[in-house]
Amino acid sequence: MSKAIIVKAVIFDSKSLKITFGGMSMKAEVQATFNDGTTKKVLSFYDDELSFTAEEFIGLTEEETHNLFHKKDVAYLQS
């Protein structure tokens, strides 16, 4: 059984989410559409600490998305 692959990703920064959700969000999030047609939030992060581009997620599985986050988070914490 193959795992679903991200074919489209949209990043919502924390500022736009505050407007959308009444000022409650402090994190940015990544919404991904997979090759099986599903769309869901795959990641949330503090965008004053980490940055991503939508292109980084194309071709990844959800697990690989979490690995990418972990790699960037560790690098940030060690800087």
Protein backbone atom coordinates (compact mmCIF):
# COMPACT_ATOMS: atom_id res chain seq x y z
CA MET A 1 0.00 0.00 0.00
CA SER A 2 1.46 3.33 -1.04
CA LYS A 3 1.22 6.41 1.14
CA ALA A 4 -0.55 9.55 -0.03
CA ILE A 5 1.74 12.19 -1.53
CA ILE A 6 1.22 15.94 -1.22
CA VAL A 7 0.39 17.51 -4.57
CA LYS A 8 -0.47 21.02 -3.32
CA ALA A 9 0.36 22.94 -0.16
CA VAL A 10 -0.83 26.29 1.15
CA ILE A 11 0.82 28.06 4.06
CA PHE A 12 -1.31 30.35 6.22
CA ASP A 13 0.82 32.69 8.30
CA SER A 14 -0.12 33.45 11.89
CA LYS A 15 -1.24 36.98 11.01
CA SER A 16 -3.81 35.79 8.47
CA LEU A 17 -5.03 33.06 10.84
CA LYS A 18 -5.58 35.64 13.60
CA ILE A 19 -7.91 37.49 11.27
CA THR A 20 -9.63 34.30 10.17
CA PHE A 21 -10.08 32.82 13.63
CA GLY A 22 -10.70 35.91 15.72
CA GLY A 23 -7.18 36.51 17.02
CA MET A 24 -6.80 33.12 18.67
CA SER A 25 -3.98 31.63 16.62
CA MET A 26 -0.31 32.26 17.30
CA LYS A 27 0.93 29.61 14.87
CA ALA A 28 1.08 29.38 11.12
CA GLU A 29 -0.17 26.22 9.48
CA VAL A 30 0.27 24.16 6.35
CA GLN A 31 -2.80 22.79 4.57
CA ALA A 32 -1.95 20.00 2.14
CA THR A 33 -3.87 18.34 -0.66
CA PHE A 34 -2.84 14.75 -1.32
CA ASN A 35 -2.91 12.68 -4.50
CA ASP A 36 -5.89 10.76 -3.09
CA GLY A 37 -7.94 13.99 -3.08
CA THR A 38 -7.93 14.64 0.67
CA THR A 39 -6.99 18.03 2.11
CA LYS A 40 -6.00 18.58 5.72
CA LYS A 41 -3.74 20.51 8.07
CA VAL A 42 -0.43 18.67 8.25
CA LEU A 43 1.66 21.08 10.28
CA SER A 44 1.50 24.11 12.56
CA PHE A 45 4.53 26.12 13.54
CA TYR A 46 5.67 29.45 14.96
CA ASP A 47 6.44 31.50 11.88
CA ASP A 48 8.63 33.90 13.82
CA GLU A 49 11.00 30.96 14.39
CA LEU A 50 10.71 28.76 11.29
CA SER A 51 9.88 29.34 7.66
CA PHE A 52 8.71 27.07 4.89
CA THR A 53 7.70 27.41 1.28
CA ALA A 54 4.77 25.52 -0.19
CA GLU A 55 7.11 23.92 -2.73
CA GLU A 56 9.04 22.16 0.07
CA PHE A 57 6.01 19.96 0.76
CA ILE A 58 5.20 18.86 -2.78
CA GLY A 59 5.99 15.15 -3.21
CA LEU A 60 6.24 14.44 0.52
CA THR A 61 4.14 12.09 2.61
CA GLU A 62 2.62 13.36 5.85
CA GLU A 63 5.35 11.56 7.80
CA GLU A 64 8.05 13.21 5.68
CA THR A 65 6.41 16.57 6.41
CA HIS A 66 6.87 15.97 10.12
CA ASN A 67 10.49 14.93 9.52
CA LEU A 68 11.11 18.19 7.62
CA PHE A 69 9.61 20.17 10.51
CA HIS A 70 11.77 18.31 13.04
CA LYS A 71 14.94 18.94 11.03
CA LYS A 72 14.25 22.68 10.78
CA ASP A 73 13.17 22.93 14.42
CA VAL A 74 16.36 21.27 15.65
CA ALA A 75 18.49 23.55 13.46
CA TYR A 76 16.65 26.61 14.86
CA LEU A 77 17.10 25.46 18.45
CA GLN A 78 20.81 24.84 17.89
CA SER A 79 21.42 28.24 16.31
